[in-house]
Amino acid sequence: MTNMLLSLRASRHKLLRVLIFCFLAGLAQGSLAFFPQQDGNGRELPSLAPMLKTVNPAVVNISTYTTQTIRQNPLLNDPFFRRFFNVPEQQMQRPQQRRTQAAGSGVIIDAKKGIVLTNHHVINGADEITVSMEDGRNFTATLVGSDPDVDIAVLKIDAKNLHSVKLADSDKLEVGDYVVAIGNPFGLGQTVTTGIVSALGRTGLGIEGYENFIQTDASINPGNSGGALVNLRGELIGVNTAILAPAGGNVGIGFAIPINMAKVSIDQILEHGEVRRGQLGVVIQDLTPELADAFKVGKHQRGAVIAEVQSGSAAEQAGLQAGDVVVEVDGKDILSSAQLRNAVGLKRVGDRIIVTALREGKRKEFRAELAEMVTLPVATVGEATSELLKGVTLRDAENGQGVLVTEVANTAEAAGKLAQGDLIVSVNQRRVADVKEFSEVLSASKGRLLLRVVRGQLALWVVLQS
């Protein structure tokens, strides 16, 4: 009986090894990733080496050089000080300069034209950019253009016999997919790390203007910025750009810009030398549970609420209104104001989009042609606390524009929601011109107030409820 159990366990272990090998080999089907090597017993083992031999030549190290002028002590410009301390005149006249160097990574995406992709923050402010190849060659690069909001930059080098990496479709990525990060961490030179996609669509990190990051546990460290994140077929799926590093080093949470997102900017930079973003012309905020209840959107608890529609904008021409809750753009779900901002801001001027929004709980489609980009704020709202306005002092605004908040007591229920200088223009979606109209609407309202507030140049919705 014991021998049978031992034999069964041995068979199970052997079967497990076979299954693991088949699993890894299956991941590489149709790829260059897993050509076998052999162990001491002649058994074949998987390896990433063959894939890396084709990708590594396309990943480059980037060195930037910046000349900084060191500010002199202003006392050196004081004649009395120089005479008293016998400071030579030539020392006062000669400004000192310091040359600094920084390191990053990049990836060649067009071998024929010598096009190199990297992060904007890697080359920002550089006087000179040097690209170093795996084979030891060095080239001075010129900056074609960059997009600080997405944090990508496009460089060009004059070189022959280059290798490029094929671009993948990053929209097909799934959590759990294996990935490989290649770059120049800490200036050590080309380094390879592996991991998986641990999350997709990361936003709200405050790292870039437009965020839709791939999160990975493949080790990314300072110097990896601008380097390649590839799949097991050796295709570029992202550009390594940031890490979450409370201790100053890698803790298993790194972020990469999806290549599909970067490609929108790359194409415009190569065509125009800059990025020309389209604009819908709305001020937006996240749909909170309180706003969802106020706008009666039913089961939809995620989306972007339009707080203001700019006069003459693409949104106004399409028929969108303040209070509409955007839930889709071109058939793709919109779960937050950040997603709507990405969906619109990454398109070109003149692109046509279909916006699906909820108005009074009913789905409506609006067709808009995006116009030139004008910076508009994105509203953020905290959680509602109360419907009462006790402790809030109001007065008529000029020319019947609404009700002006002149004071909010620290003990007021609306403290943190309303602020001095806020202009309330509507209550429960009814326009109010002055305190009298405001009071009339309040007297007919019970349980909750939905206020449309203008704060400086920002318009937003505020919910007060008990």
Protein backbone atom coordinates (compact mmCIF):
# COMPACT_ATOMS: atom_id res chain seq x y z
CA MET A 1 0.00 0.00 0.00
CA THR A 2 2.86 2.34 0.95
CA ASN A 3 4.65 1.63 -2.34
CA MET A 4 1.48 2.40 -4.27
CA LEU A 5 1.13 5.74 -2.47
CA LEU A 6 4.77 6.64 -3.17
CA SER A 7 4.34 5.64 -6.81
CA LEU A 8 1.16 7.72 -7.06
CA ARG A 9 2.88 10.76 -5.53
CA ALA A 10 5.82 10.42 -7.92
CA SER A 11 3.44 10.21 -10.86
CA ARG A 12 1.57 13.28 -9.64
CA HIS A 13 4.82 15.26 -9.30
CA LYS A 14 5.90 14.22 -12.78
CA LEU A 15 2.50 15.15 -14.18
CA LEU A 16 2.67 18.53 -12.41
CA ARG A 17 6.06 19.26 -14.00
CA VAL A 18 4.70 18.35 -17.42
CA LEU A 19 1.64 20.57 -16.90
CA ILE A 20 3.80 23.52 -15.82
CA PHE A 21 6.01 23.10 -18.88
CA CYS A 22 2.99 22.83 -21.17
CA PHE A 23 1.43 25.90 -19.54
CA LEU A 24 4.56 28.01 -20.10
CA ALA A 25 4.99 26.69 -23.61
CA GLY A 26 1.34 27.46 -24.32
CA LEU A 27 1.88 31.10 -23.29
CA ALA A 28 4.53 31.34 -25.95
CA GLN A 29 2.53 29.77 -28.75
CA GLY A 30 3.29 31.58 -31.97
CA SER A 31 6.02 33.65 -30.25
CA LEU A 32 9.78 33.78 -29.95
CA ALA A 33 9.64 33.52 -26.17
CA PHE A 34 10.19 29.95 -25.07
CA PHE A 35 12.86 28.07 -26.94
CA PRO A 36 13.98 25.22 -24.68
CA GLN A 37 17.25 24.80 -22.91
CA GLN A 38 18.28 21.58 -21.15
CA ASP A 39 18.90 20.73 -17.52
CA GLY A 40 21.55 18.31 -16.29
CA ASN A 41 19.34 15.33 -17.13
CA GLY A 42 18.75 16.41 -20.72
CA ARG A 43 15.21 17.62 -20.06
CA GLU A 44 14.06 20.72 -21.92
CA LEU A 45 13.33 23.88 -19.90
CA PRO A 46 11.62 27.09 -21.00
CA SER A 47 13.56 30.36 -21.39
CA LEU A 48 12.92 34.00 -22.30
CA ALA A 49 16.39 34.36 -23.80
CA PRO A 50 15.44 33.84 -27.49
CA MET A 51 12.70 36.51 -27.26
CA LEU A 52 15.02 38.94 -25.46
CA LYS A 53 17.69 38.51 -28.14
CA THR A 54 15.25 40.07 -30.60
CA VAL A 55 13.94 42.81 -28.28
CA ASN A 56 17.02 43.96 -26.33
CA PRO A 57 18.70 45.62 -29.34
CA ALA A 58 15.64 47.89 -29.63
CA VAL A 59 15.83 49.06 -25.99
CA VAL A 60 18.28 51.92 -25.42
CA ASN A 61 19.84 53.81 -22.54
CA ILE A 62 19.30 57.57 -22.54
CA SER A 63 21.67 60.06 -20.94
CA THR A 64 20.70 63.71 -20.66
CA TYR A 65 22.97 66.64 -19.91
CA THR A 66 21.79 69.95 -18.52
CA THR A 67 23.80 73.10 -17.86
CA GLN A 68 22.65 74.98 -14.78
CA THR A 69 23.74 78.47 -13.76
CA ILE A 70 24.56 78.65 -10.05
CA ARG A 71 23.14 81.76 -8.44
CA GLN A 72 25.75 83.91 -6.72
CA ASN A 73 25.43 85.33 -3.26
CA PRO A 74 23.89 88.82 -3.72
CA LEU A 75 26.45 90.20 -1.27
CA LEU A 76 29.09 89.75 -3.98
CA ASN A 77 27.36 92.52 -5.93
CA ASP A 78 27.71 94.94 -3.00
CA PRO A 79 30.81 97.17 -3.56
CA PHE A 80 31.23 97.76 0.19
CA PHE A 81 31.19 94.01 0.90
CA ARG A 82 33.75 93.30 -1.84
CA ARG A 83 36.06 96.07 -0.65
CA PHE A 84 35.74 95.12 3.03
CA PHE A 85 36.50 91.42 2.42
CA ASN A 86 38.89 92.09 -0.47
CA VAL A 87 36.89 89.99 -2.96
CA PRO A 88 38.57 90.01 -6.40
CA GLU A 89 36.57 91.80 -9.11
CA GLN A 90 36.86 88.88 -11.55
CA GLN A 91 35.28 86.49 -9.03
CA MET A 92 32.25 88.76 -8.80
CA GLN A 93 31.84 89.02 -12.57
CA ARG A 94 32.16 85.31 -13.44
CA PRO A 95 28.85 83.37 -13.07
CA GLN A 96 29.40 79.73 -12.23
CA GLN A 97 27.79 76.93 -14.22
CA ARG A 98 27.26 73.29 -13.37
CA ARG A 99 26.68 70.46 -15.83
CA THR A 100 24.39 67.70 -14.54
CA GLN A 101 23.68 64.26 -15.98
CA ALA A 102 20.63 62.02 -15.66
CA ALA A 103 19.84 58.54 -16.95
CA GLY A 104 16.72 56.92 -18.36
CA SER A 105 15.58 54.44 -20.96
CA GLY A 106 13.91 54.38 -24.37
CA VAL A 107 12.76 52.02 -27.09
CA ILE A 108 13.18 52.17 -30.86
CA ILE A 109 9.79 51.97 -32.59
CA ASP A 110 10.93 52.74 -36.17
CA ALA A 111 14.34 51.39 -37.17
CA LYS A 112 14.34 52.91 -40.67
CA LYS A 113 13.67 56.47 -39.46
CA GLY A 114 15.55 56.17 -36.16
CA ILE A 115 12.50 57.00 -34.03
CA VAL A 116 12.95 56.45 -30.28
CA LEU A 117 10.13 56.59 -27.72
CA THR A 118 10.74 57.63 -24.11
CA ASN A 119 9.16 59.60 -21.26
CA HIS A 120 8.84 63.39 -21.36
CA HIS A 121 10.23 63.65 -17.84
CA VAL A 122 13.40 61.80 -18.92
CA ILE A 123 14.42 64.49 -21.43
CA ASN A 124 12.64 67.53 -20.00
CA GLY A 125 14.97 70.54 -19.85
CA ALA A 126 17.93 68.66 -21.35
CA ASP A 127 20.53 70.56 -23.40
CA GLU A 128 21.92 67.36 -24.89
CA ILE A 129 20.47 63.87 -25.27
CA THR A 130 22.62 60.80 -25.92
CA VAL A 131 21.20 57.42 -26.93
CA SER A 132 23.35 54.37 -26.16
CA MET A 133 22.75 51.08 -27.96
CA GLU A 134 23.18 47.56 -26.66
CA ASP A 135 26.07 47.06 -29.10
CA GLY A 136 28.01 49.98 -27.57
CA ARG A 137 27.22 52.65 -30.17
CA ASN A 138 26.28 56.16 -28.99
CA PHE A 139 24.25 58.76 -30.89
CA THR A 140 23.19 62.32 -30.23
CA ALA A 141 19.41 62.51 -30.42
CA THR A 142 17.16 65.37 -31.50
CA LEU A 143 13.77 65.96 -29.87
CA VAL A 144 10.95 65.64 -32.41
CA GLY A 145 8.29 66.59 -29.87
CA SER A 146 6.75 65.61 -26.56
CA ASP A 147 3.43 65.36 -24.74
CA PRO A 148 3.85 66.30 -21.05
CA ASP A 149 0.20 65.44 -20.26
CA VAL A 150 0.74 61.79 -21.23
CA ASP A 151 4.48 61.89 -20.38
CA ILE A 152 5.89 60.66 -23.67
CA ALA A 153 8.58 62.11 -25.91
CA VAL A 154 9.71 61.20 -29.42
CA LEU A 155 13.41 61.35 -30.33
CA LYS A 156 15.24 60.84 -33.62
CA ILE A 157 18.74 59.49 -34.17
CA ASP A 158 20.72 59.29 -37.42
CA ALA A 159 21.89 55.69 -37.41
CA LYS A 160 21.88 52.55 -39.51
CA ASN A 161 21.41 48.87 -38.67
CA LEU A 162 18.89 49.59 -35.95
CA HIS A 163 16.35 47.17 -34.51
CA SER A 164 12.80 48.13 -33.60
CA VAL A 165 10.12 46.48 -31.50
CA LYS A 166 6.66 45.66 -32.82
CA LEU A 167 3.73 47.48 -31.21
CA ALA A 168 1.03 45.33 -29.62
CA ASP A 169 -2.66 46.08 -29.07
CA SER A 170 -2.63 47.06 -25.39
CA ASP A 171 -6.45 47.08 -25.29
CA LYS A 172 -6.29 43.28 -25.37
CA LEU A 173 -4.28 43.07 -22.15
CA GLU A 174 -5.82 41.25 -19.21
CA VAL A 175 -4.94 41.13 -15.54
CA GLY A 176 -2.68 38.12 -15.04
CA ASP A 177 -0.89 38.38 -18.40
CA TYR A 178 2.87 37.87 -18.14
CA VAL A 179 5.04 40.90 -18.97
CA VAL A 180 8.75 41.75 -19.17
CA ALA A 181 10.22 45.16 -18.25
CA ILE A 182 13.48 46.20 -19.91
CA GLY A 183 15.41 49.35 -19.02
CA ASN A 184 18.36 51.05 -17.35
CA PRO A 185 17.65 51.01 -13.58
CA PHE A 186 19.95 53.16 -11.44
CA GLY A 187 22.15 53.65 -14.53
CA LEU A 188 23.37 50.06 -14.32
CA GLY A 189 22.74 49.32 -17.98
CA GLN A 190 20.20 47.15 -19.71
CA THR A 191 18.31 45.03 -17.18
CA VAL A 192 15.39 42.60 -17.58
CA THR A 193 12.70 41.88 -14.98
CA THR A 194 9.52 39.84 -15.22
CA GLY A 195 6.07 39.86 -13.65
CA ILE A 196 2.39 40.04 -14.49
CA VAL A 197 -0.19 42.70 -15.19
CA SER A 198 -1.61 43.27 -11.72
CA ALA A 199 -4.22 45.90 -12.65
CA LEU A 200 -5.47 47.91 -15.62
CA GLY A 201 -6.90 51.40 -16.07
CA ARG A 202 -5.25 52.95 -13.03
CA THR A 203 -6.25 56.62 -12.75
CA GLY A 204 -6.36 59.35 -10.13
CA LEU A 205 -2.71 58.92 -9.11
CA GLY A 206 -1.84 62.52 -9.90
CA ILE A 207 1.26 61.46 -11.86
CA GLU A 208 0.22 62.69 -15.31
CA GLY A 209 -2.49 64.84 -16.84
CA TYR A 210 -4.04 61.82 -18.58
CA GLU A 211 -3.82 58.52 -16.72
CA ASN A 212 -4.82 55.02 -17.75
CA PHE A 213 -1.87 53.06 -16.41
CA ILE A 214 -0.98 49.40 -16.68
CA GLN A 215 0.03 48.29 -13.19
CA THR A 216 2.65 45.56 -12.97
CA ASP A 217 4.77 43.83 -10.35
CA ALA A 218 7.67 43.48 -12.80
CA SER A 219 10.46 45.33 -11.01
CA ILE A 220 10.66 48.97 -12.17
CA ASN A 221 13.16 51.33 -10.53
CA PRO A 222 14.60 54.82 -11.10
CA GLY A 223 16.23 54.78 -14.54
CA ASN A 224 13.63 52.39 -15.98
CA SER A 225 11.52 55.39 -17.05
CA GLY A 226 10.92 55.33 -20.80
CA GLY A 227 11.86 51.68 -21.09
CA ALA A 228 9.88 48.88 -22.69
CA LEU A 229 7.16 46.75 -21.17
CA VAL A 230 6.69 43.81 -23.55
CA ASN A 231 4.56 40.70 -23.70
CA LEU A 232 5.94 37.19 -24.15
CA ARG A 233 5.89 37.63 -27.93
CA GLY A 234 8.33 40.52 -27.60
CA GLU A 235 5.73 43.13 -28.57
CA LEU A 236 5.64 46.56 -26.93
CA ILE A 237 2.55 46.93 -24.73
CA GLY A 238 3.60 49.89 -22.60
CA VAL A 239 6.20 52.49 -21.63
CA ASN A 240 7.48 52.18 -18.05
CA THR A 241 6.96 55.53 -16.38
CA ALA A 242 6.48 55.50 -12.59
CA ILE A 243 6.62 53.46 -9.40
CA LEU A 244 4.90 53.55 -6.04
CA ALA A 245 7.93 53.76 -3.78
CA PRO A 246 7.30 54.80 -0.17
CA ALA A 247 10.77 53.53 0.75
CA GLY A 248 12.49 54.98 -2.33
CA GLY A 249 12.77 51.71 -4.27
CA ASN A 250 10.62 49.10 -5.96
CA VAL A 251 7.91 47.54 -3.80
CA GLY A 252 6.17 45.58 -6.55
CA ILE A 253 3.87 48.34 -7.85
CA GLY A 254 4.98 49.92 -11.11
CA PHE A 255 3.06 51.80 -13.79
CA ALA A 256 3.35 51.88 -17.56
CA ILE A 257 1.60 53.98 -20.20
CA PRO A 258 -0.39 51.68 -22.53
CA ILE A 259 1.09 51.80 -26.02
CA ASN A 260 -2.33 52.43 -27.59
CA MET A 261 -2.63 55.56 -25.45
CA ALA A 262 0.91 56.67 -26.29
CA LYS A 263 0.43 56.00 -30.01
CA VAL A 264 -2.27 58.69 -30.26
CA SER A 265 0.31 61.27 -29.19
CA ILE A 266 3.16 59.69 -31.17
CA ASP A 267 1.25 59.93 -34.45
CA GLN A 268 0.46 63.61 -33.90
CA ILE A 269 4.02 64.45 -32.84
CA LEU A 270 5.43 62.79 -35.96
CA GLU A 271 2.87 64.60 -38.12
CA HIS A 272 2.76 68.05 -36.50
CA GLY A 273 5.62 68.15 -34.01
CA GLU A 274 3.04 68.64 -31.25
CA VAL A 275 -0.22 67.24 -29.92
CA ARG A 276 -3.51 68.93 -30.85
CA ARG A 277 -6.19 67.68 -28.51
CA GLY A 278 -9.90 67.94 -29.10
CA GLN A 279 -12.31 69.40 -26.59
CA LEU A 280 -15.93 68.64 -25.82
CA GLY A 281 -16.40 71.83 -23.82
CA VAL A 282 -17.79 70.61 -20.50
CA VAL A 283 -16.90 70.88 -16.82
CA ILE A 284 -17.34 67.47 -15.20
CA GLN A 285 -17.31 65.70 -11.86
CA ASP A 286 -17.65 62.13 -10.64
CA LEU A 287 -21.12 60.68 -10.13
CA THR A 288 -21.52 60.18 -6.38
CA PRO A 289 -24.32 58.11 -4.81
CA GLU A 290 -25.99 61.37 -3.72
CA LEU A 291 -25.86 62.82 -7.24
CA ALA A 292 -27.05 59.51 -8.73
CA ASP A 293 -30.08 59.66 -6.45
CA ALA A 294 -30.66 63.34 -7.20
CA PHE A 295 -30.55 62.84 -10.98
CA LYS A 296 -32.59 59.62 -10.80
CA VAL A 297 -30.17 57.57 -12.87
CA GLY A 298 -31.37 54.24 -11.45
CA LYS A 299 -28.88 51.40 -11.41
CA HIS A 300 -26.09 53.53 -12.88
CA GLN A 301 -23.91 54.51 -9.91
CA ARG A 302 -20.80 55.28 -11.97
CA GLY A 303 -20.27 57.96 -14.60
CA ALA A 304 -19.36 61.61 -15.16
CA VAL A 305 -21.81 64.41 -14.37
CA ILE A 306 -21.76 67.50 -16.56
CA ALA A 307 -21.67 70.52 -14.26
CA GLU A 308 -21.38 73.13 -17.01
CA VAL A 309 -21.54 73.28 -20.81
CA GLN A 310 -19.35 75.93 -22.39
CA SER A 311 -21.14 78.37 -24.66
CA GLY A 312 -20.56 77.61 -28.35
CA SER A 313 -18.76 74.35 -27.54
CA ALA A 314 -19.03 71.00 -29.28
CA ALA A 315 -21.10 69.76 -26.33
CA GLU A 316 -23.62 72.59 -26.68
CA GLN A 317 -23.93 72.04 -30.42
CA ALA A 318 -24.48 68.33 -29.80
CA GLY A 319 -27.30 69.09 -27.34
CA LEU A 320 -25.65 68.10 -24.06
CA GLN A 321 -26.81 69.92 -20.94
CA ALA A 322 -25.68 70.51 -17.36
CA GLY A 323 -26.98 67.62 -15.28
CA ASP A 324 -26.54 65.00 -17.99
CA VAL A 325 -24.68 61.92 -16.73
CA VAL A 326 -22.25 60.56 -19.32
CA VAL A 327 -22.03 56.75 -19.19
CA GLU A 328 -20.47 55.87 -22.57
CA VAL A 329 -18.27 57.35 -25.28
CA ASP A 330 -18.16 55.50 -28.60
CA GLY A 331 -19.70 52.47 -26.92
CA LYS A 332 -17.09 52.24 -24.13
CA ASP A 333 -18.22 52.58 -20.52
CA ILE A 334 -17.40 55.80 -18.67
CA LEU A 335 -17.09 55.15 -14.93
CA SER A 336 -15.55 58.44 -13.79
CA SER A 337 -14.73 61.99 -14.81
CA ALA A 338 -11.10 60.90 -15.36
CA GLN A 339 -12.20 58.29 -17.90
CA LEU A 340 -14.31 60.84 -19.77
CA ARG A 341 -11.40 63.24 -19.78
CA ASN A 342 -9.14 60.54 -21.25
CA ALA A 343 -11.73 59.42 -23.80
CA VAL A 344 -12.06 62.96 -25.15
CA GLY A 345 -8.62 64.45 -24.50
CA LEU A 346 -6.75 61.71 -26.35
CA LYS A 347 -8.65 62.37 -29.58
CA ARG A 348 -7.77 64.89 -32.27
CA VAL A 349 -9.43 68.14 -33.14
CA GLY A 350 -12.20 67.36 -35.63
CA ASP A 351 -12.77 63.77 -34.48
CA ARG A 352 -16.42 62.78 -34.15
CA ILE A 353 -17.62 60.92 -31.08
CA ILE A 354 -20.90 59.48 -29.84
CA VAL A 355 -21.69 60.39 -26.25
CA THR A 356 -24.30 58.36 -24.39
CA ALA A 357 -25.79 60.17 -21.41
CA LEU A 358 -28.62 59.76 -18.94
CA ARG A 359 -31.12 62.61 -18.73
CA GLU A 360 -33.89 62.18 -16.17
CA GLY A 361 -33.08 58.47 -16.15
CA LYS A 362 -33.40 58.01 -19.93
CA ARG A 363 -30.50 57.12 -22.23
CA LYS A 364 -29.80 59.55 -25.04
CA GLU A 365 -27.11 59.63 -27.71
CA PHE A 366 -25.34 62.82 -28.76
CA ARG A 367 -22.98 63.20 -31.72
CA ALA A 368 -20.23 65.77 -31.27
CA GLU A 369 -17.30 67.00 -33.35
CA LEU A 370 -14.41 67.91 -31.08
CA ALA A 371 -13.08 71.46 -31.20
CA GLU A 372 -9.76 73.10 -30.29
CA MET A 373 -8.51 72.40 -26.78
CA VAL A 374 -9.23 74.98 -24.08
CA THR A 375 -8.25 74.15 -20.51
CA LEU A 376 -11.31 73.54 -18.35
CA PRO A 377 -11.28 72.49 -14.69
CA VAL A 378 -12.51 69.18 -13.39
CA ALA A 379 -14.74 69.49 -10.35
CA THR A 380 -14.29 67.38 -7.26
CA VAL A 381 -16.93 67.08 -4.58
CA GLY A 382 -16.76 65.59 -1.11
CA GLU A 383 -19.51 63.60 0.53
CA ALA A 384 -22.73 65.41 1.32
CA THR A 385 -23.52 65.96 4.99
CA SER A 386 -26.80 67.80 5.45
CA GLU A 387 -29.71 69.56 3.78
CA LEU A 388 -29.70 72.43 6.25
CA LEU A 389 -28.24 75.83 5.47
CA LYS A 390 -28.12 77.07 9.04
CA GLY A 391 -24.93 79.08 9.54
CA VAL A 392 -24.71 80.08 5.85
CA THR A 393 -25.09 83.82 5.08
CA LEU A 394 -26.45 84.73 1.63
CA ARG A 395 -27.08 87.87 -0.40
CA ASP A 396 -28.24 88.77 -3.89
CA ALA A 397 -25.55 88.61 -6.57
CA GLU A 398 -25.24 91.42 -9.09
CA ASN A 399 -27.60 91.63 -12.08
CA GLY A 400 -29.83 88.80 -10.89
CA GLN A 401 -27.14 86.15 -11.50
CA GLY A 402 -27.96 84.10 -8.41
CA VAL A 403 -27.27 83.94 -4.69
CA LEU A 404 -23.83 84.76 -3.30
CA VAL A 405 -22.49 82.94 -0.22
CA THR A 406 -20.88 85.58 1.98
CA GLU A 407 -20.08 83.48 5.04
CA VAL A 408 -20.09 79.83 6.15
CA ALA A 409 -19.77 79.25 9.88
CA ASN A 410 -17.36 76.53 10.96
CA THR A 411 -20.22 74.84 12.79
CA ALA A 412 -22.58 74.98 9.79
CA GLU A 413 -23.82 71.69 8.35
CA ALA A 414 -22.76 72.95 4.91
CA ALA A 415 -19.17 73.70 6.01
CA GLY A 416 -16.80 71.92 3.64
CA LYS A 417 -19.46 71.84 0.94
CA LEU A 418 -20.06 75.56 0.44
CA ALA A 419 -17.47 78.29 0.73
CA GLN A 420 -17.38 82.06 0.93
CA GLY A 421 -17.67 83.49 -2.57
CA ASP A 422 -19.68 80.59 -4.01
CA LEU A 423 -22.42 81.64 -6.41
CA ILE A 424 -25.53 79.43 -6.22
CA VAL A 425 -27.36 79.60 -9.54
CA SER A 426 -29.91 76.81 -9.19
CA VAL A 427 -31.63 74.71 -6.53
CA ASN A 428 -33.04 71.27 -7.37
CA GLN A 429 -32.50 72.13 -11.06
CA ARG A 430 -34.56 75.32 -10.80
CA ARG A 431 -32.80 78.54 -11.72
CA VAL A 432 -32.69 81.19 -8.95
CA ALA A 433 -31.96 84.86 -9.62
CA ASP A 434 -31.87 86.17 -6.06
CA VAL A 435 -32.39 85.33 -2.39
CA LYS A 436 -36.18 85.68 -2.74
CA GLU A 437 -36.42 83.03 -5.46
CA PHE A 438 -33.92 80.92 -3.55
CA SER A 439 -36.12 81.02 -0.44
CA GLU A 440 -39.22 80.13 -2.46
CA VAL A 441 -37.54 77.03 -3.89
CA LEU A 442 -36.24 76.09 -0.44
CA SER A 443 -39.72 76.25 1.07
CA ALA A 444 -40.94 73.71 -1.48
CA SER A 445 -37.94 71.40 -1.04
CA LYS A 446 -37.79 68.56 1.44
CA GLY A 447 -35.02 66.27 2.53
CA ARG A 448 -32.34 67.19 0.01
CA LEU A 449 -30.91 70.15 -1.88
CA LEU A 450 -29.17 69.82 -5.24
CA LEU A 451 -27.25 73.06 -5.72
CA ARG A 452 -25.49 74.20 -8.86
CA VAL A 453 -22.58 76.33 -7.72
CA VAL A 454 -20.09 78.52 -9.56
CA ARG A 455 -16.78 78.75 -7.69
CA GLY A 456 -14.39 81.08 -9.46
CA GLN A 457 -14.25 79.67 -13.00
CA LEU A 458 -15.39 76.25 -11.81
CA ALA A 459 -18.99 75.02 -11.99
CA LEU A 460 -20.05 71.99 -9.94
CA TRP A 461 -22.98 70.22 -8.38
CA VAL A 462 -23.28 70.06 -4.60
CA VAL A 463 -25.73 67.81 -2.74
CA LEU A 464 -26.84 68.72 0.79
CA GLN A 465 -28.99 66.22 2.64
CA SER A 466 -29.85 65.23 6.17
